[in-house]
N, C-alpha and C. Protein backbone atom coordinates (compact mmCIF):
# COMPACT_ATOMS: atom_id res chain seq x y z
N MET A 1 19.43 -115.05 -133.83
CA MET A 1 20.28 -115.38 -134.95
C MET A 1 20.87 -116.78 -134.69
N ASN A 2 20.60 -117.69 -135.63
CA ASN A 2 21.10 -119.04 -135.45
C ASN A 2 22.51 -119.18 -136.03
N ILE A 3 23.08 -120.36 -135.89
CA ILE A 3 24.46 -120.60 -136.28
C ILE A 3 24.67 -120.42 -137.78
N ASP A 4 23.71 -120.83 -138.59
CA ASP A 4 23.82 -120.69 -140.04
C ASP A 4 23.85 -119.21 -140.44
N GLU A 5 23.02 -118.42 -139.79
CA GLU A 5 23.00 -116.98 -140.07
C GLU A 5 24.32 -116.32 -139.65
N ARG A 6 24.83 -116.75 -138.54
CA ARG A 6 26.12 -116.22 -138.06
C ARG A 6 27.25 -116.58 -139.02
N LEU A 7 27.25 -117.83 -139.47
CA LEU A 7 28.27 -118.26 -140.42
C LEU A 7 28.16 -117.48 -141.73
N GLU A 8 26.95 -117.27 -142.18
CA GLU A 8 26.72 -116.50 -143.41
C GLU A 8 27.24 -115.07 -143.24
N LYS A 9 26.94 -114.46 -142.10
CA LYS A 9 27.39 -113.10 -141.81
C LYS A 9 28.93 -113.04 -141.76
N LEU A 10 29.54 -114.03 -141.11
CA LEU A 10 31.00 -114.09 -141.05
C LEU A 10 31.61 -114.26 -142.44
N ALA A 11 30.98 -115.08 -143.26
CA ALA A 11 31.48 -115.29 -144.62
C ALA A 11 31.40 -113.99 -145.42
N GLU A 12 30.33 -113.23 -145.25
CA GLU A 12 30.18 -111.94 -145.93
C GLU A 12 31.26 -110.96 -145.47
N ARG A 13 31.48 -110.92 -144.18
CA ARG A 13 32.51 -110.02 -143.64
C ARG A 13 33.90 -110.44 -144.13
N HIS A 14 34.14 -111.73 -144.16
CA HIS A 14 35.42 -112.23 -144.64
C HIS A 14 35.65 -111.82 -146.09
N GLU A 15 34.63 -111.97 -146.92
CA GLU A 15 34.74 -111.59 -148.33
C GLU A 15 34.99 -110.09 -148.46
N ALA A 16 34.28 -109.29 -147.68
CA ALA A 16 34.47 -107.84 -147.73
C ALA A 16 35.90 -107.47 -147.31
N LEU A 17 36.40 -108.11 -146.28
CA LEU A 17 37.77 -107.85 -145.84
C LEU A 17 38.78 -108.27 -146.89
N ALA A 18 38.55 -109.41 -147.51
CA ALA A 18 39.46 -109.90 -148.55
C ALA A 18 39.50 -108.91 -149.73
N GLN A 19 38.35 -108.39 -150.12
CA GLN A 19 38.30 -107.40 -151.21
C GLN A 19 39.03 -106.12 -150.81
N THR A 20 38.84 -105.69 -149.56
CA THR A 20 39.51 -104.49 -149.08
C THR A 20 41.02 -104.67 -149.10
N VAL A 21 41.48 -105.83 -148.65
CA VAL A 21 42.92 -106.11 -148.65
C VAL A 21 43.45 -106.11 -150.08
N GLU A 22 42.72 -106.67 -151.01
CA GLU A 22 43.14 -106.66 -152.42
C GLU A 22 43.24 -105.24 -152.95
N LEU A 23 42.27 -104.40 -152.62
CA LEU A 23 42.31 -103.00 -153.07
C LEU A 23 43.49 -102.26 -152.46
N ILE A 24 43.73 -102.47 -151.19
CA ILE A 24 44.87 -101.82 -150.52
C ILE A 24 46.18 -102.29 -151.14
N ALA A 25 46.29 -103.57 -151.42
CA ALA A 25 47.51 -104.11 -152.01
C ALA A 25 47.73 -103.52 -153.41
N ALA A 26 46.67 -103.41 -154.20
CA ALA A 26 46.80 -102.83 -155.54
C ALA A 26 47.21 -101.35 -155.44
N GLU A 27 46.62 -100.63 -154.51
CA GLU A 27 46.97 -99.23 -154.32
C GLU A 27 48.43 -99.10 -153.88
N GLN A 28 48.87 -99.99 -153.01
CA GLN A 28 50.26 -99.97 -152.55
C GLN A 28 51.22 -100.23 -153.71
N ARG A 29 50.88 -101.18 -154.58
CA ARG A 29 51.72 -101.45 -155.75
C ARG A 29 51.82 -100.22 -156.64
N ASP A 30 50.67 -99.55 -156.86
CA ASP A 30 50.67 -98.34 -157.69
C ASP A 30 51.52 -97.24 -157.05
N MET A 31 51.40 -97.08 -155.75
CA MET A 31 52.17 -96.06 -155.04
C MET A 31 53.66 -96.39 -155.10
N GLN A 32 54.02 -97.66 -155.00
CA GLN A 32 55.42 -98.06 -155.06
C GLN A 32 55.99 -97.79 -156.44
N ARG A 33 55.22 -98.09 -157.49
CA ARG A 33 55.68 -97.80 -158.85
C ARG A 33 55.92 -96.31 -159.04
N ALA A 34 54.98 -95.49 -158.54
CA ALA A 34 55.13 -94.04 -158.65
C ALA A 34 56.35 -93.56 -157.87
N ALA A 35 56.56 -94.10 -156.69
CA ALA A 35 57.73 -93.72 -155.88
C ALA A 35 59.02 -94.14 -156.58
N ASP A 36 59.04 -95.32 -157.15
CA ASP A 36 60.22 -95.79 -157.88
C ASP A 36 60.53 -94.87 -159.06
N ALA A 37 59.49 -94.43 -159.76
CA ALA A 37 59.68 -93.53 -160.89
C ALA A 37 60.24 -92.19 -160.42
N ARG A 38 59.72 -91.67 -159.29
CA ARG A 38 60.24 -90.41 -158.75
C ARG A 38 61.70 -90.54 -158.34
N VAL A 39 62.04 -91.65 -157.71
CA VAL A 39 63.42 -91.88 -157.29
C VAL A 39 64.34 -91.95 -158.52
N ALA A 40 63.88 -92.60 -159.57
CA ALA A 40 64.69 -92.69 -160.79
C ALA A 40 64.93 -91.31 -161.38
N ARG A 41 63.87 -90.47 -161.40
CA ARG A 41 64.03 -89.10 -161.92
C ARG A 41 64.98 -88.29 -161.04
N LEU A 42 64.87 -88.46 -159.74
CA LEU A 42 65.77 -87.75 -158.82
C LEU A 42 67.22 -88.19 -159.01
N GLU A 43 67.42 -89.50 -159.18
CA GLU A 43 68.78 -90.00 -159.40
C GLU A 43 69.36 -89.42 -160.68
N GLU A 44 68.54 -89.35 -161.72
CA GLU A 44 68.99 -88.78 -162.99
C GLU A 44 69.34 -87.29 -162.81
N ALA A 45 68.50 -86.57 -162.10
CA ALA A 45 68.76 -85.15 -161.87
C ALA A 45 70.03 -84.95 -161.05
N MET A 46 70.23 -85.80 -160.05
CA MET A 46 71.43 -85.69 -159.22
C MET A 46 72.69 -85.99 -160.04
N THR A 47 72.61 -86.96 -160.93
CA THR A 47 73.75 -87.28 -161.79
C THR A 47 74.08 -86.10 -162.69
N LYS A 48 73.04 -85.48 -163.26
CA LYS A 48 73.27 -84.30 -164.10
C LYS A 48 73.87 -83.16 -163.29
N MET A 49 73.34 -82.97 -162.08
CA MET A 49 73.83 -81.89 -161.23
C MET A 49 75.29 -82.14 -160.85
N ALA A 50 75.63 -83.38 -160.53
CA ALA A 50 77.02 -83.70 -160.19
C ALA A 50 77.93 -83.42 -161.37
N GLY A 51 77.50 -83.75 -162.57
CA GLY A 51 78.29 -83.47 -163.77
C GLY A 51 78.47 -81.97 -163.97
N ALA A 52 77.40 -81.22 -163.77
CA ALA A 52 77.48 -79.77 -163.92
C ALA A 52 78.41 -79.17 -162.88
N MET A 53 78.34 -79.68 -161.66
CA MET A 53 79.22 -79.17 -160.60
C MET A 53 80.68 -79.50 -160.92
N SER A 54 80.91 -80.67 -161.45
CA SER A 54 82.27 -81.05 -161.83
C SER A 54 82.79 -80.12 -162.93
N ASN A 55 81.95 -79.85 -163.91
CA ASN A 55 82.34 -78.92 -164.98
C ASN A 55 82.62 -77.54 -164.41
N MET A 56 81.79 -77.11 -163.46
CA MET A 56 81.99 -75.80 -162.85
C MET A 56 83.30 -75.75 -162.07
N MET A 57 83.59 -76.82 -161.37
CA MET A 57 84.85 -76.88 -160.62
C MET A 57 86.05 -76.83 -161.57
N ASP A 58 85.95 -77.51 -162.71
CA ASP A 58 87.02 -77.46 -163.70
C ASP A 58 87.20 -76.03 -164.21
N ALA A 59 86.09 -75.36 -164.50
CA ALA A 59 86.16 -73.97 -164.98
C ALA A 59 86.77 -73.06 -163.93
N ILE A 60 86.39 -73.26 -162.67
CA ILE A 60 86.94 -72.44 -161.58
C ILE A 60 88.43 -72.68 -161.44
N THR A 61 88.83 -73.95 -161.49
CA THR A 61 90.26 -74.28 -161.38
C THR A 61 91.05 -73.66 -162.52
N ASN A 62 90.53 -73.77 -163.73
CA ASN A 62 91.21 -73.18 -164.88
C ASN A 62 91.29 -71.66 -164.74
N HIS A 63 90.24 -71.05 -164.28
CA HIS A 63 90.22 -69.61 -164.08
C HIS A 63 91.26 -69.19 -163.04
N GLU A 64 91.33 -69.93 -161.94
CA GLU A 64 92.32 -69.63 -160.90
C GLU A 64 93.74 -69.76 -161.44
N LYS A 65 93.97 -70.78 -162.25
CA LYS A 65 95.30 -70.97 -162.84
C LYS A 65 95.65 -69.79 -163.75
N ARG A 66 94.69 -69.33 -164.55
CA ARG A 66 94.94 -68.18 -165.41
C ARG A 66 95.25 -66.93 -164.59
N ILE A 67 94.51 -66.73 -163.53
CA ILE A 67 94.75 -65.57 -162.66
C ILE A 67 96.15 -65.67 -162.05
N ASP A 68 96.53 -66.85 -161.58
CA ASP A 68 97.86 -67.04 -161.01
C ASP A 68 98.95 -66.72 -162.04
N ARG A 69 98.75 -67.19 -163.29
CA ARG A 69 99.74 -66.91 -164.33
C ARG A 69 99.83 -65.42 -164.63
N LEU A 70 98.69 -64.77 -164.65
CA LEU A 70 98.69 -63.32 -164.90
C LEU A 70 99.36 -62.55 -163.76
N GLU A 71 99.14 -63.02 -162.53
CA GLU A 71 99.74 -62.35 -161.39
C GLU A 71 101.24 -62.55 -161.34
N GLU A 72 101.72 -63.63 -161.91
CA GLU A 72 103.16 -63.91 -161.91
C GLU A 72 103.90 -63.01 -162.88
N ARG A 73 103.26 -62.43 -163.81
CA ARG A 73 103.93 -61.58 -164.83
C ARG A 73 104.33 -60.26 -164.27
């Protein structure tokens, strides 16, 4: 194998590696977008859950106050 053949082979390998890196980068971008979307949905769910818990705590507090008033009678 002469120098020209070696250079040609190296150029082919370089091109194949460059294409592979591009594919990996595109896949990584897609995975990051999907992860970002999942995080956004989780944040929304956590916000809703926190609101529901706050409402539940208010209901519990009100219930306890009513029980206390009834017990005072």
